[in-house]
C-alpha atoms as a PDB file:
ATOM      1  CA  UNK A   1       0.000   0.000   0.000  1.00  0.00           C
ATOM      2  CA  UNK A   2       1.330   3.433  -0.958  1.00  0.00           C
ATOM      3  CA  UNK A   3       1.873   6.146   1.614  1.00  0.00           C
ATOM      4  CA  UNK A   4      -0.681   8.788   2.530  1.00  0.00           C
ATOM      5  CA  UNK A   5       0.555  12.196   1.425  1.00  0.00           C
ATOM      6  CA  UNK A   6      -0.605  15.568   2.717  1.00  0.00           C
ATOM      7  CA  UNK A   7      -0.316  18.432   0.233  1.00  0.00           C
ATOM      8  CA  UNK A   8      -0.322  21.578   2.350  1.00  0.00           C
ATOM      9  CA  UNK A   9      -1.485  24.277  -0.025  1.00  0.00           C
ATOM     10  CA  UNK A  10      -3.564  23.182  -3.033  1.00  0.00           C
ATOM     11  CA  UNK A  11      -3.140  26.254  -5.193  1.00  0.00           C
ATOM     12  CA  UNK A  12      -1.521  26.764  -8.607  1.00  0.00           C
ATOM     13  CA  UNK A  13       1.090  24.062  -7.979  1.00  0.00           C
ATOM     14  CA  UNK A  14      -0.454  22.095  -5.124  1.00  0.00           C
ATOM     15  CA  UNK A  15      -3.742  21.136  -6.780  1.00  0.00           C
ATOM     16  CA  UNK A  16      -2.268  19.573  -9.953  1.00  0.00           C
ATOM     17  CA  UNK A  17       0.419  17.985  -7.756  1.00  0.00           C
ATOM     18  CA  UNK A  18      -2.243  16.441  -5.513  1.00  0.00           C
ATOM     19  CA  UNK A  19      -4.288  15.143  -8.448  1.00  0.00           C
ATOM     20  CA  UNK A  20      -1.171  13.675 -10.095  1.00  0.00           C
ATOM     21  CA  UNK A  21      -0.128  11.855  -6.920  1.00  0.00           C
ATOM     22  CA  UNK A  22      -3.687  10.627  -6.408  1.00  0.00           C
ATOM     23  CA  UNK A  23      -3.726   9.128  -9.908  1.00  0.00           C
ATOM     24  CA  UNK A  24      -0.429   7.395  -9.086  1.00  0.00           C
ATOM     25  CA  UNK A  25      -2.159   5.506  -6.298  1.00  0.00           C
ATOM     26  CA  UNK A  26      -1.362   7.611  -3.241  1.00  0.00           C
ATOM     27  CA  UNK A  27      -4.023   8.562  -0.731  1.00  0.00           C
ATOM     28  CA  UNK A  28      -4.043  12.347  -0.585  1.00  0.00           C
ATOM     29  CA  UNK A  29      -5.023  14.897   2.026  1.00  0.00           C
ATOM     30  CA  UNK A  30      -5.240  18.356   0.485  1.00  0.00           C
ATOM     31  CA  UNK A  31      -5.574  21.695   2.244  1.00  0.00           C
ATOM     32  CA  UNK A  32      -7.166  24.917   1.073  1.00  0.00           C
ATOM     33  CA  UNK A  33      -7.977  28.251   2.679  1.00  0.00           C
ATOM     34  CA  UNK A  34     -11.294  28.683   0.873  1.00  0.00           C
ATOM     35  CA  UNK A  35     -14.482  26.751   1.598  1.00  0.00           C
ATOM     36  CA  UNK A  36     -15.533  26.867  -2.055  1.00  0.00           C
ATOM     37  CA  UNK A  37     -12.494  24.787  -3.020  1.00  0.00           C
ATOM     38  CA  UNK A  38     -13.282  21.903  -0.663  1.00  0.00           C
ATOM     39  CA  UNK A  39     -15.781  20.353  -3.077  1.00  0.00           C
ATOM     40  CA  UNK A  40     -13.305  20.746  -5.960  1.00  0.00           C
ATOM     41  CA  UNK A  41     -10.753  18.672  -4.061  1.00  0.00           C
ATOM     42  CA  UNK A  42     -13.344  16.037  -3.172  1.00  0.00           C
ATOM     43  CA  UNK A  43     -14.309  15.739  -6.839  1.00  0.00           C
ATOM     44  CA  UNK A  44     -10.690  14.722  -7.494  1.00  0.00           C
ATOM     45  CA  UNK A  45     -10.894  12.013  -4.784  1.00  0.00           C
ATOM     46  CA  UNK A  46      -8.722  14.128  -2.481  1.00  0.00           C
ATOM     47  CA  UNK A  47      -9.575  14.294   1.229  1.00  0.00           C
ATOM     48  CA  UNK A  48     -10.125  18.031   1.673  1.00  0.00           C
ATOM     49  CA  UNK A  49      -9.297  20.125   4.744  1.00  0.00           C
ATOM     50  CA  UNK A  50      -9.764  23.820   5.474  1.00  0.00           C
ATOM     51  CA  UNK A  51      -6.431  24.951   6.953  1.00  0.00           C
ATOM     52  CA  UNK A  52      -5.699  28.676   7.055  1.00  0.00           C
ATOM     53  CA  UNK A  53      -2.497  29.887   8.714  1.00  0.00           C
ATOM     54  CA  UNK A  54      -4.222  33.181   9.469  1.00  0.00           C
ATOM     55  CA  UNK A  55      -6.842  31.537  11.687  1.00  0.00           C
ATOM     56  CA  UNK A  56      -6.070  31.711  15.383  1.00  0.00           C
ATOM     57  CA  UNK A  57      -6.985  28.051  15.814  1.00  0.00           C
ATOM     58  CA  UNK A  58      -5.350  26.758  12.622  1.00  0.00           C
ATOM     59  CA  UNK A  59      -3.461  24.070  14.561  1.00  0.00           C
ATOM     60  CA  UNK A  60      -6.772  22.334  15.316  1.00  0.00           C
ATOM     61  CA  UNK A  61      -7.455  22.177  11.592  1.00  0.00           C
ATOM     62  CA  UNK A  62      -3.834  21.159  10.997  1.00  0.00           C
ATOM     63  CA  UNK A  63      -4.007  18.195  13.373  1.00  0.00           C
ATOM     64  CA  UNK A  64      -6.918  16.679  11.465  1.00  0.00           C
ATOM     65  CA  UNK A  65      -5.111  17.314   8.170  1.00  0.00           C
ATOM     66  CA  UNK A  66      -1.956  15.524   9.381  1.00  0.00           C
ATOM     67  CA  UNK A  67      -3.671  12.488  10.878  1.00  0.00           C
ATOM     68  CA  UNK A  68      -2.097   9.198   9.684  1.00  0.00           C
ATOM     69  CA  UNK A  69       0.057  11.020   7.122  1.00  0.00           C
ATOM     70  CA  UNK A  70       3.430   9.608   6.063  1.00  0.00           C
ATOM     71  CA  UNK A  71       4.684  12.425   3.810  1.00  0.00           C
ATOM     72  CA  UNK A  72       3.950  16.130   4.248  1.00  0.00           C
ATOM     73  CA  UNK A  73       4.538  18.469   1.301  1.00  0.00           C
ATOM     74  CA  UNK A  74       4.628  22.084   2.492  1.00  0.00           C
ATOM     75  CA  UNK A  75       3.722  24.333  -0.406  1.00  0.00           C
ATOM     76  CA  UNK A  76       2.763  27.558   1.388  1.00  0.00           C
ATOM     77  CA  UNK A  77       4.699  30.670   0.262  1.00  0.00           C
ATOM     78  CA  UNK A  78       5.701  33.417   2.723  1.00  0.00           C
ATOM     79  CA  UNK A  79       3.404  35.863   0.930  1.00  0.00           C
ATOM     80  CA  UNK A  80       0.212  34.867   2.670  1.00  0.00           C
ATOM     81  CA  UNK A  81      -2.831  36.579   1.147  1.00  0.00           C
ATOM     82  CA  UNK A  82      -3.815  38.157   4.452  1.00  0.00           C
ATOM     83  CA  UNK A  83      -2.224  38.686   7.815  1.00  0.00           C
ATOM     84  CA  UNK A  84       1.332  39.603   8.775  1.00  0.00           C
ATOM     85  CA  UNK A  85       3.769  37.973   6.343  1.00  0.00           C
ATOM     86  CA  UNK A  86       6.548  38.278   8.941  1.00  0.00           C
ATOM     87  CA  UNK A  87       4.694  35.710  11.063  1.00  0.00           C
ATOM     88  CA  UNK A  88       5.320  33.020   8.442  1.00  0.00           C
ATOM     89  CA  UNK A  89       8.295  31.585  10.337  1.00  0.00           C
ATOM     90  CA  UNK A  90       6.301  31.476  13.570  1.00  0.00           C
ATOM     91  CA  UNK A  91       3.461  29.647  11.813  1.00  0.00           C
ATOM     92  CA  UNK A  92       5.873  27.150  10.231  1.00  0.00           C
ATOM     93  CA  UNK A  93       7.424  26.405  13.614  1.00  0.00           C
ATOM     94  CA  UNK A  94       3.936  25.354  14.721  1.00  0.00           C
ATOM     95  CA  UNK A  95       3.554  23.234  11.566  1.00  0.00           C
ATOM     96  CA  UNK A  96       6.858  21.552  12.434  1.00  0.00           C
ATOM     97  CA  UNK A  97       5.755  20.947  16.020  1.00  0.00           C
ATOM     98  CA  UNK A  98       2.390  19.483  15.059  1.00  0.00           C
ATOM     99  CA  UNK A  99       3.968  17.350  12.329  1.00  0.00           C
ATOM    100  CA  UNK A 100       6.062  15.733  15.056  1.00  0.00           C
ATOM    101  CA  UNK A 101       3.021  15.251  17.258  1.00  0.00           C
ATOM    102  CA  UNK A 102       1.233  13.571  14.335  1.00  0.00           C
ATOM    103  CA  UNK A 103       4.228  11.272  13.835  1.00  0.00           C
ATOM    104  CA  UNK A 104       4.876  12.472  10.277  1.00  0.00           C
ATOM    105  CA  UNK A 105       8.162  10.927   9.129  1.00  0.00           C
ATOM    106  CA  UNK A 106       8.945  12.666   5.844  1.00  0.00           C
ATOM    107  CA  UNK A 107       8.691  16.308   4.778  1.00  0.00           C
ATOM    108  CA  UNK A 108       9.203  18.069   1.459  1.00  0.00           C
ATOM    109  CA  UNK A 109       9.525  21.819   1.880  1.00  0.00           C
ATOM    110  CA  UNK A 110       8.989  23.913  -1.241  1.00  0.00           C
ATOM    111  CA  UNK A 111      11.477  26.767  -1.062  1.00  0.00           C
ATOM    112  CA  UNK A 112      12.829  29.215  -3.634  1.00  0.00           C
ATOM    113  CA  UNK A 113      16.038  30.283  -5.351  1.00  0.00           C
ATOM    114  CA  UNK A 114      15.354  33.692  -3.785  1.00  0.00           C
ATOM    115  CA  UNK A 115      17.358  32.384  -0.806  1.00  0.00           C
ATOM    116  CA  UNK A 116      20.494  33.135  -2.864  1.00  0.00           C
ATOM    117  CA  UNK A 117      19.704  36.851  -2.964  1.00  0.00           C
ATOM    118  CA  UNK A 118      21.921  38.851  -5.311  1.00  0.00           C
ATOM    119  CA  UNK A 119      24.811  36.402  -5.435  1.00  0.00           C
ATOM    120  CA  UNK A 120      26.694  36.432  -8.725  1.00  0.00           C
ATOM    121  CA  UNK A 121      27.803  33.630 -11.060  1.00  0.00           C
ATOM    122  CA  UNK A 122      27.016  29.926 -10.953  1.00  0.00           C
ATOM    123  CA  UNK A 123      25.061  28.791  -7.906  1.00  0.00           C
ATOM    124  CA  UNK A 124      24.775  25.171  -6.746  1.00  0.00           C
ATOM    125  CA  UNK A 125      23.296  23.533  -3.668  1.00  0.00           C
ATOM    126  CA  UNK A 126      26.713  23.897  -2.008  1.00  0.00           C
ATOM    127  CA  UNK A 127      26.507  27.686  -2.285  1.00  0.00           C
ATOM    128  CA  UNK A 128      25.722  29.339   1.042  1.00  0.00           C
ATOM    129  CA  UNK A 129      22.414  31.238   0.780  1.00  0.00           C
ATOM    130  CA  UNK A 130      22.475  35.013   1.105  1.00  0.00           C
ATOM    131  CA  UNK A 131      18.817  35.994   1.548  1.00  0.00           C
ATOM    132  CA  UNK A 132      17.992  39.680   1.323  1.00  0.00           C
ATOM    133  CA  UNK A 133      14.230  39.952   1.766  1.00  0.00           C
ATOM    134  CA  UNK A 134      12.257  39.077   4.878  1.00  0.00           C
ATOM    135  CA  UNK A 135      10.514  36.291   2.967  1.00  0.00           C
ATOM    136  CA  UNK A 136      13.793  34.740   1.790  1.00  0.00           C
ATOM    137  CA  UNK A 137      15.323  34.947   5.272  1.00  0.00           C
ATOM    138  CA  UNK A 138      12.322  33.113   6.693  1.00  0.00           C
ATOM    139  CA  UNK A 139      12.618  30.435   4.008  1.00  0.00           C
ATOM    140  CA  UNK A 140      16.230  29.755   4.995  1.00  0.00           C
ATOM    141  CA  UNK A 141      15.293  29.562   8.665  1.00  0.00           C
ATOM    142  CA  UNK A 142      12.510  27.070   7.915  1.00  0.00           C
ATOM    143  CA  UNK A 143      14.785  24.979   5.706  1.00  0.00           C
ATOM    144  CA  UNK A 144      17.201  24.663   8.623  1.00  0.00           C
ATOM    145  CA  UNK A 145      14.400  23.972  11.094  1.00  0.00           C
ATOM    146  CA  UNK A 146      13.380  20.843   9.201  1.00  0.00           C
ATOM    147  CA  UNK A 147      16.822  19.744   8.010  1.00  0.00           C
ATOM    148  CA  UNK A 148      18.296  19.953  11.520  1.00  0.00           C
ATOM    149  CA  UNK A 149      15.561  17.720  12.942  1.00  0.00           C
ATOM    150  CA  UNK A 150      17.190  14.284  12.876  1.00  0.00           C
ATOM    151  CA  UNK A 151      13.816  12.705  13.643  1.00  0.00           C
ATOM    152  CA  UNK A 152      12.541  13.730  10.212  1.00  0.00           C
ATOM    153  CA  UNK A 153      13.532  12.816   6.678  1.00  0.00           C
ATOM    154  CA  UNK A 154      13.468  16.120   4.815  1.00  0.00           C
ATOM    155  CA  UNK A 155      13.928  17.276   1.235  1.00  0.00           C
ATOM    156  CA  UNK A 156      14.256  20.952   0.352  1.00  0.00           C
ATOM    157  CA  UNK A 157      13.412  22.052  -3.191  1.00  0.00           C
ATOM    158  CA  UNK A 158      14.508  25.521  -4.247  1.00  0.00           C
ATOM    159  CA  UNK A 159      12.396  26.217  -7.319  1.00  0.00           C
ATOM    160  CA  UNK A 160      13.260  28.948  -9.786  1.00  0.00           C
ATOM    161  CA  UNK A 161      10.602  31.212 -11.232  1.00  0.00           C
ATOM    162  CA  UNK A 162       7.443  29.186 -11.813  1.00  0.00           C
ATOM    163  CA  UNK A 163       5.764  29.085 -15.211  1.00  0.00           C
ATOM    164  CA  UNK A 164       3.062  27.012 -16.922  1.00  0.00           C
ATOM    165  CA  UNK A 165      -0.727  26.646 -16.846  1.00  0.00           C
ATOM    166  CA  UNK A 166      -1.145  30.241 -18.007  1.00  0.00           C
ATOM    167  CA  UNK A 167       1.418  31.647 -15.613  1.00  0.00           C
ATOM    168  CA  UNK A 168       4.445  33.498 -17.001  1.00  0.00           C
ATOM    169  CA  UNK A 169       6.465  36.555 -15.870  1.00  0.00           C
ATOM    170  CA  UNK A 170       6.095  38.179 -19.293  1.00  0.00           C
ATOM    171  CA  UNK A 171       2.478  39.087 -18.562  1.00  0.00           C
ATOM    172  CA  UNK A 172       3.700  41.252 -15.680  1.00  0.00           C
ATOM    173  CA  UNK A 173       6.875  42.513 -17.342  1.00  0.00           C
ATOM    174  CA  UNK A 174       5.049  43.574 -20.520  1.00  0.00           C
ATOM    175  CA  UNK A 175       3.092  46.112 -18.471  1.00  0.00           C
ATOM    176  CA  UNK A 176       6.294  47.855 -17.413  1.00  0.00           C
ATOM    177  CA  UNK A 177       7.995  50.644 -19.326  1.00  0.00           C
ATOM    178  CA  UNK A 178      11.435  49.511 -18.205  1.00  0.00           C
ATOM    179  CA  UNK A 179      12.923  46.358 -16.657  1.00  0.00           C
ATOM    180  CA  UNK A 180      16.240  46.347 -14.817  1.00  0.00           C
ATOM    181  CA  UNK A 181      19.062  43.811 -15.123  1.00  0.00           C
ATOM    182  CA  UNK A 182      18.277  42.758 -18.672  1.00  0.00           C
ATOM    183  CA  UNK A 183      21.697  41.121 -18.906  1.00  0.00           C
ATOM    184  CA  UNK A 184      20.949  38.719 -16.022  1.00  0.00           C
ATOM    185  CA  UNK A 185      20.242  35.074 -16.939  1.00  0.00           C
ATOM    186  CA  UNK A 186      16.760  33.656 -16.432  1.00  0.00           C
ATOM    187  CA  UNK A 187      16.159  30.956 -13.809  1.00  0.00           C
ATOM    188  CA  UNK A 188      12.782  29.387 -14.566  1.00  0.00           C
ATOM    189  CA  UNK A 189      11.014  26.031 -14.282  1.00  0.00           C
ATOM    190  CA  UNK A 190       7.745  24.713 -15.694  1.00  0.00           C
ATOM    191  CA  UNK A 191       5.050  23.304 -13.430  1.00  0.00           C
ATOM    192  CA  UNK A 192       5.329  19.917 -15.162  1.00  0.00           C
ATOM    193  CA  UNK A 193       8.886  19.536 -13.896  1.00  0.00           C
ATOM    194  CA  UNK A 194       7.945  20.822 -10.433  1.00  0.00           C
ATOM    195  CA  UNK A 195       5.436  17.986 -10.105  1.00  0.00           C
ATOM    196  CA  UNK A 196       7.803  15.436 -11.639  1.00  0.00           C
ATOM    197  CA  UNK A 197      10.654  16.339  -9.260  1.00  0.00           C
ATOM    198  CA  UNK A 198       8.466  16.121  -6.163  1.00  0.00           C
ATOM    199  CA  UNK A 199       7.205  12.721  -7.311  1.00  0.00           C
ATOM    200  CA  UNK A 200      10.770  11.559  -7.957  1.00  0.00           C
ATOM    201  CA  UNK A 201      11.898  12.469  -4.438  1.00  0.00           C
ATOM    202  CA  UNK A 202       9.043  10.490  -2.912  1.00  0.00           C
ATOM    203  CA  UNK A 203       9.490   7.504  -5.220  1.00  0.00           C
ATOM    204  CA  UNK A 204      13.286   7.278  -4.881  1.00  0.00           C
ATOM    205  CA  UNK A 205      13.462   8.307  -1.204  1.00  0.00           C
ATOM    206  CA  UNK A 206      15.811  11.214  -1.802  1.00  0.00           C
ATOM    207  CA  UNK A 207      15.713  12.541   1.751  1.00  0.00           C
ATOM    208  CA  UNK A 208      17.935  14.850   3.806  1.00  0.00           C
ATOM    209  CA  UNK A 209      19.035  16.687   0.689  1.00  0.00           C
ATOM    210  CA  UNK A 210      18.669  20.096  -0.948  1.00  0.00           C
ATOM    211  CA  UNK A 211      17.692  20.410  -4.601  1.00  0.00           C
ATOM    212  CA  UNK A 212      17.941  23.441  -6.833  1.00  0.00           C
ATOM    213  CA  UNK A 213      15.254  23.092  -9.488  1.00  0.00           C
ATOM    214  CA  UNK A 214      15.807  25.327 -12.533  1.00  0.00           C
ATOM    215  CA  UNK A 215      15.526  24.373 -16.193  1.00  0.00           C
ATOM    216  CA  UNK A 216      19.072  24.306 -17.642  1.00  0.00           C
ATOM    217  CA  UNK A 217      18.658  27.130 -20.154  1.00  0.00           C
ATOM    218  CA  UNK A 218      20.045  30.556 -19.291  1.00  0.00           C
ATOM    219  CA  UNK A 219      19.622  33.247 -21.968  1.00  0.00           C
ATOM    220  CA  UNK A 220      19.567  36.833 -20.762  1.00  0.00           C
ATOM    221  CA  UNK A 221      16.288  38.285 -19.540  1.00  0.00           C
ATOM    222  CA  UNK A 222      16.294  40.694 -22.464  1.00  0.00           C
ATOM    223  CA  UNK A 223      16.799  37.952 -25.060  1.00  0.00           C
ATOM    224  CA  UNK A 224      14.333  35.530 -23.531  1.00  0.00           C
ATOM    225  CA  UNK A 225      11.481  37.858 -22.573  1.00  0.00           C
ATOM    226  CA  UNK A 226      11.678  39.789 -25.848  1.00  0.00           C
ATOM    227  CA  UNK A 227      11.258  36.509 -27.717  1.00  0.00           C
ATOM    228  CA  UNK A 228       8.397  35.358 -25.471  1.00  0.00           C
ATOM    229  CA  UNK A 229       6.642  38.739 -25.765  1.00  0.00           C
ATOM    230  CA  UNK A 230       6.803  38.577 -29.545  1.00  0.00           C
ATOM    231  CA  UNK A 231       5.492  35.008 -29.503  1.00  0.00           C
ATOM    232  CA  UNK A 232       2.520  36.035 -27.361  1.00  0.00           C
ATOM    233  CA  UNK A 233       1.784  39.223 -29.297  1.00  0.00           C
ATOM    234  CA  UNK A 234       2.863  41.492 -26.440  1.00  0.00           C
ATOM    235  CA  UNK A 235       4.992  44.624 -26.565  1.00  0.00           C
ATOM    236  CA  UNK A 236       8.435  43.845 -25.099  1.00  0.00           C
ATOM    237  CA  UNK A 237       9.576  46.185 -22.338  1.00  0.00           C
ATOM    238  CA  UNK A 238      12.804  48.167 -22.555  1.00  0.00           C
ATOM    239  CA  UNK A 239      15.620  46.492 -20.630  1.00  0.00           C
ATOM    240  CA  UNK A 240      18.489  48.183 -18.820  1.00  0.00           C
ATOM    241  CA  UNK A 241      21.741  46.380 -18.019  1.00  0.00           C
ATOM    242  CA  UNK A 242      23.663  46.098 -14.762  1.00  0.00           C
ATOM    243  CA  UNK A 243      27.293  46.908 -15.615  1.00  0.00           C
ATOM    244  CA  UNK A 244      28.700  45.829 -12.252  1.00  0.00           C
ATOM    245  CA  UNK A 245      26.971  42.461 -11.917  1.00  0.00           C
ATOM    246  CA  UNK A 246      26.164  39.662 -14.349  1.00  0.00           C
ATOM    247  CA  UNK A 247      23.502  38.014 -12.159  1.00  0.00           C
ATOM    248  CA  UNK A 248      23.186  34.467 -10.875  1.00  0.00           C
ATOM    249  CA  UNK A 249      22.833  31.242 -12.808  1.00  0.00           C
ATOM    250  CA  UNK A 250      21.225  28.632 -10.553  1.00  0.00           C
ATOM    251  CA  UNK A 251      22.471  25.159 -11.446  1.00  0.00           C
ATOM    252  CA  UNK A 252      20.339  22.103 -10.637  1.00  0.00           C
ATOM    253  CA  UNK A 253      23.493  20.165  -9.846  1.00  0.00           C
ATOM    254  CA  UNK A 254      22.009  17.588  -7.497  1.00  0.00           C
ATOM    255  CA  UNK A 255      19.155  16.756  -9.854  1.00  0.00           C
ATOM    256  CA  UNK A 256      21.093  16.669 -13.118  1.00  0.00           C
ATOM    257  CA  UNK A 257      24.634  15.597 -12.211  1.00  0.00           C
ATOM    258  CA  UNK A 258      23.891  13.342  -9.218  1.00  0.00           C
ATOM    259  CA  UNK A 259      20.363  11.984  -9.764  1.00  0.00           C
ATOM    260  CA  UNK A 260      20.517  12.184 -13.605  1.00  0.00           C
ATOM    261  CA  UNK A 261      17.109  13.802 -13.812  1.00  0.00           C
ATOM    262  CA  UNK A 262      15.955  14.736 -17.311  1.00  0.00           C
ATOM    263  CA  UNK A 263      13.784  17.834 -17.400  1.00  0.00           C
ATOM    264  CA  UNK A 264      10.406  17.238 -19.014  1.00  0.00           C
ATOM    265  CA  UNK A 265       9.234  20.627 -20.306  1.00  0.00           C
ATOM    266  CA  UNK A 266      11.296  23.375 -21.906  1.00  0.00           C
ATOM    267  CA  UNK A 267      10.691  26.998 -21.024  1.00  0.00           C
END
């Protein structure tokens, strides 16, 4: 019998992830913050739970969500729709605590390449993070919280910019008159690969590791987004260049060179 998996956060990535895992034979608990979405999850044969970090009693909801769960996938970004975003770390400490109380053994934490801040050059999993924003600093702290817990098997995935299913940065950038750092390389990943990588970690038991997850194609922002804008019939923005910094190129070293993962969808 396959494990029961809890997908904490069934949004743009979490919902198709949950449905994919369910079709693969896993029993799935899925969380949402909106009552209207509960029936949508149930229609996909996903056990639905209303868990909102902004509720004062969210741990009561969380305990039911985590009951008899083997693998917890935390897919909740620091930018919560409401409430104080700076409380994200505090909320995640409670998630960690209640995961232990529920006897959860394995955790996948969805993080971001934003933890590398404005570092320059090639970045691998061995590169020490240099977070600049409050959100990125909290992500690093949560990564360490789970990785340092020897009672848990943890995998950290640092995704690049997320695209797919109608989502793409060009729709935002095309509305701007000017975009900085046009000479910086892109660091993007399609949702198909996000789901595939998470499934791979669970299937192959790749625990207690950190994974950068960025499609291995690094044209400059100006080259790439100009091409994408033209393809989509949008007006490309004007790009300025940073003369003192060439930007960071995030390498998925662990996935490609160690695990021999082949990316599924180009960007």
